[in-house]
Amino acid sequence: MYSREESQRIKREFWVAFAEKYPRKWVLYDTKIKDFSFKFFVDNKKAQVLIDIEHRSDEKRTAYFEKIEALKNILEEEFIKDLVFEKNYTLESGKTISRIWVEKLGVGFSNRNNWDAIFDFFNENMHALEMFYLEYDEFIKDIEN
C-alpha cells in the first residue's frame, strides 16, 4: 500500500503523462450548461468517463438527463456503447446527481502498466461523448420543450 503522499504523487504523474500523450483541450466543464460537465475518473479499481448533471433544481437536472436519455439509441449506435444511465446517483457526500458513464474495470492509476490502456480508454470515450455533445448540444440545452 502507498502512503497518502505517494499515492498523490503517482496520481499527479498519471495526469501529467495523460496530458502529454493526448495534448488537447477537452470540453469538460465548458458545456455552456450550468452544472453539466464531462469528467475523467480513475482509482485503483477502475477508470471512468462521465457526464455529471449536478443542477440544484431536481426538475432541471432531470430534464437534462431525460434529453440525453431520449438520444440513447443514437448515442450507443453511433458514438459509444456500454453506457450506464442513472437518473438519481448518490455521491459519497450524499448529494444526488444524474450520471451517465462508461467504465473500464480491473485497472488502476498506481499500476503504471495500466496507464496506456487507461489513457486510450479515456481518449476514445471522452472524444466520443464530446462528438455526441457537439452534434446534439442545442437539443440538450433546450429543456423548455
Protein backbone atom coordinates (compact mmCIF):
# COMPACT_ATOMS: atom_id res chain seq x y z
CA MET A 1 0.00 0.00 0.00
CA TYR A 2 1.18 3.50 -0.76
CA SER A 3 1.24 6.38 1.71
CA ARG A 4 -1.22 9.18 1.03
CA GLU A 5 1.62 11.41 -0.23
CA GLU A 6 3.00 8.69 -2.51
CA SER A 7 -0.46 7.99 -3.90
CA GLN A 8 -0.99 11.70 -4.62
CA ARG A 9 2.42 11.91 -6.33
CA ILE A 10 1.64 8.90 -8.54
CA LYS A 11 -1.77 10.36 -9.40
CA ARG A 12 -0.15 13.68 -10.40
CA GLU A 13 2.35 11.80 -12.57
CA PHE A 14 -0.55 9.86 -14.11
CA TRP A 15 -2.40 13.05 -15.14
CA VAL A 16 0.77 14.70 -16.46
CA ALA A 17 1.54 11.59 -18.55
CA PHE A 18 -2.04 11.56 -19.86
CA ALA A 19 -1.81 15.24 -20.86
CA GLU A 20 1.48 14.54 -22.62
CA LYS A 21 0.08 11.57 -24.55
CA TYR A 22 -3.14 13.39 -25.52
CA PRO A 23 -2.27 17.11 -25.50
CA ARG A 24 -5.61 18.67 -26.34
CA LYS A 25 -8.28 20.80 -24.75
CA TRP A 26 -11.23 18.75 -23.56
CA VAL A 27 -14.76 20.16 -23.24
CA LEU A 28 -15.10 19.04 -19.58
CA TYR A 29 -16.79 21.98 -17.80
CA ASP A 30 -17.13 24.21 -20.89
CA THR A 31 -20.54 22.86 -21.91
CA LYS A 32 -22.40 26.19 -21.64
CA ILE A 33 -24.88 24.42 -19.34
CA LYS A 34 -24.70 25.21 -15.64
CA ASP A 35 -23.67 22.19 -13.52
CA PHE A 36 -23.39 19.89 -16.58
CA SER A 37 -19.88 18.51 -17.09
CA PHE A 38 -17.75 15.80 -18.58
CA LYS A 39 -15.26 14.16 -16.23
CA PHE A 40 -12.45 11.63 -16.10
CA PHE A 41 -12.19 9.40 -13.04
CA VAL A 42 -9.61 6.82 -12.06
CA ASP A 43 -8.86 4.99 -8.83
CA ASN A 44 -7.17 1.66 -8.20
CA LYS A 45 -10.07 -0.48 -9.42
CA LYS A 46 -11.48 1.27 -12.47
CA ALA A 47 -11.36 4.14 -14.94
CA GLN A 48 -14.50 6.05 -15.94
CA VAL A 49 -15.58 8.71 -18.40
CA LEU A 50 -18.62 10.51 -17.04
CA ILE A 51 -21.29 13.06 -17.71
CA ASP A 52 -22.39 14.56 -14.40
CA ILE A 53 -25.55 16.65 -14.20
CA GLU A 54 -25.47 18.37 -10.83
CA HIS A 55 -28.10 21.09 -11.17
CA ARG A 56 -29.55 22.17 -7.82
CA SER A 57 -33.04 22.06 -9.28
CA ASP A 58 -34.15 18.41 -9.47
CA GLU A 59 -36.57 19.42 -12.22
CA LYS A 60 -33.80 20.88 -14.44
CA ARG A 61 -31.38 18.07 -13.59
CA THR A 62 -33.99 15.50 -14.60
CA ALA A 63 -34.88 17.45 -17.75
CA TYR A 64 -31.25 17.44 -18.98
CA PHE A 65 -30.87 13.76 -18.11
CA GLU A 66 -34.06 12.87 -19.99
CA LYS A 67 -32.87 14.82 -23.04
CA ILE A 68 -29.77 12.64 -23.23
CA GLU A 69 -31.77 9.54 -22.42
CA ALA A 70 -34.05 10.36 -25.37
CA LEU A 71 -30.94 10.18 -27.58
CA LYS A 72 -29.69 6.93 -26.00
CA ASN A 73 -30.12 4.79 -29.14
CA ILE A 74 -28.23 7.29 -31.32
CA LEU A 75 -25.57 7.72 -28.64
CA GLU A 76 -24.98 3.99 -28.30
CA GLU A 77 -25.23 3.13 -32.01
CA GLU A 78 -23.13 5.98 -33.38
CA PHE A 79 -20.82 7.12 -30.60
CA ILE A 80 -20.25 4.93 -27.54
CA LYS A 81 -21.51 1.59 -26.26
CA ASP A 82 -21.98 0.17 -22.75
CA LEU A 83 -23.07 3.40 -21.09
CA VAL A 84 -24.73 3.32 -17.70
CA PHE A 85 -27.58 5.81 -17.18
CA GLU A 86 -28.53 6.67 -13.60
CA LYS A 87 -31.09 9.44 -13.08
CA ASN A 88 -30.61 9.53 -9.30
CA TYR A 89 -26.98 8.79 -8.46
CA THR A 90 -25.93 9.48 -4.87
CA LEU A 91 -22.40 10.79 -4.32
CA GLU A 92 -20.40 9.94 -1.19
CA SER A 93 -21.30 13.41 0.08
CA GLY A 94 -24.99 12.43 -0.01
CA LYS A 95 -25.75 14.80 -2.91
CA THR A 96 -28.00 13.35 -5.62
CA ILE A 97 -26.97 13.98 -9.22
CA SER A 98 -27.69 12.39 -12.58
CA ARG A 99 -24.78 10.46 -14.06
CA ILE A 100 -24.06 8.76 -17.37
CA TRP A 101 -20.82 6.85 -17.64
CA VAL A 102 -18.74 4.13 -19.20
CA GLU A 103 -16.06 2.28 -17.26
CA LYS A 104 -13.09 0.01 -17.62
CA LEU A 105 -12.72 -2.35 -14.67
CA GLY A 106 -9.57 -4.00 -13.39
CA VAL A 107 -7.25 -1.05 -13.98
CA GLY A 108 -5.75 1.49 -11.62
CA PHE A 109 -3.53 4.54 -11.65
CA SER A 110 -0.97 3.07 -9.24
CA ASN A 111 -0.03 0.33 -11.73
CA ARG A 112 1.96 2.08 -14.47
CA ASN A 113 1.43 -0.94 -16.72
CA ASN A 114 -2.25 0.10 -16.89
CA TRP A 115 -1.59 3.69 -17.88
CA ASP A 116 -1.59 3.33 -21.67
CA ALA A 117 -4.79 1.28 -21.60
CA ILE A 118 -6.45 3.89 -19.35
CA PHE A 119 -5.20 6.80 -21.47
CA ASP A 120 -6.54 5.16 -24.63
CA PHE A 121 -9.86 4.38 -22.90
CA PHE A 122 -10.13 8.00 -21.71
CA ASN A 123 -9.28 9.45 -25.11
CA GLU A 124 -11.56 7.19 -27.13
CA ASN A 125 -14.59 7.51 -24.87
CA MET A 126 -14.31 11.19 -23.97
CA HIS A 127 -13.81 12.04 -27.64
CA ALA A 128 -16.96 10.05 -28.49
CA LEU A 129 -19.00 11.80 -25.78
CA GLU A 130 -17.75 15.19 -26.92
CA MET A 131 -18.60 14.48 -30.56
CA PHE A 132 -22.09 13.40 -29.49
CA TYR A 133 -22.50 16.52 -27.36
CA LEU A 134 -21.24 18.89 -30.05
CA GLU A 135 -23.72 17.38 -32.52
CA TYR A 136 -26.73 17.44 -30.16
CA ASP A 137 -25.96 20.28 -27.72
CA GLU A 138 -28.73 22.58 -29.00
CA PHE A 139 -31.31 19.83 -28.41
CA ILE A 140 -29.89 19.01 -24.96
CA LYS A 141 -29.74 22.69 -23.89
CA ASP A 142 -33.36 23.30 -24.86
CA ILE A 143 -35.15 21.96 -21.77
CA GLU A 144 -38.16 24.19 -22.25
CA ASN A 145 -39.54 21.74 -24.84
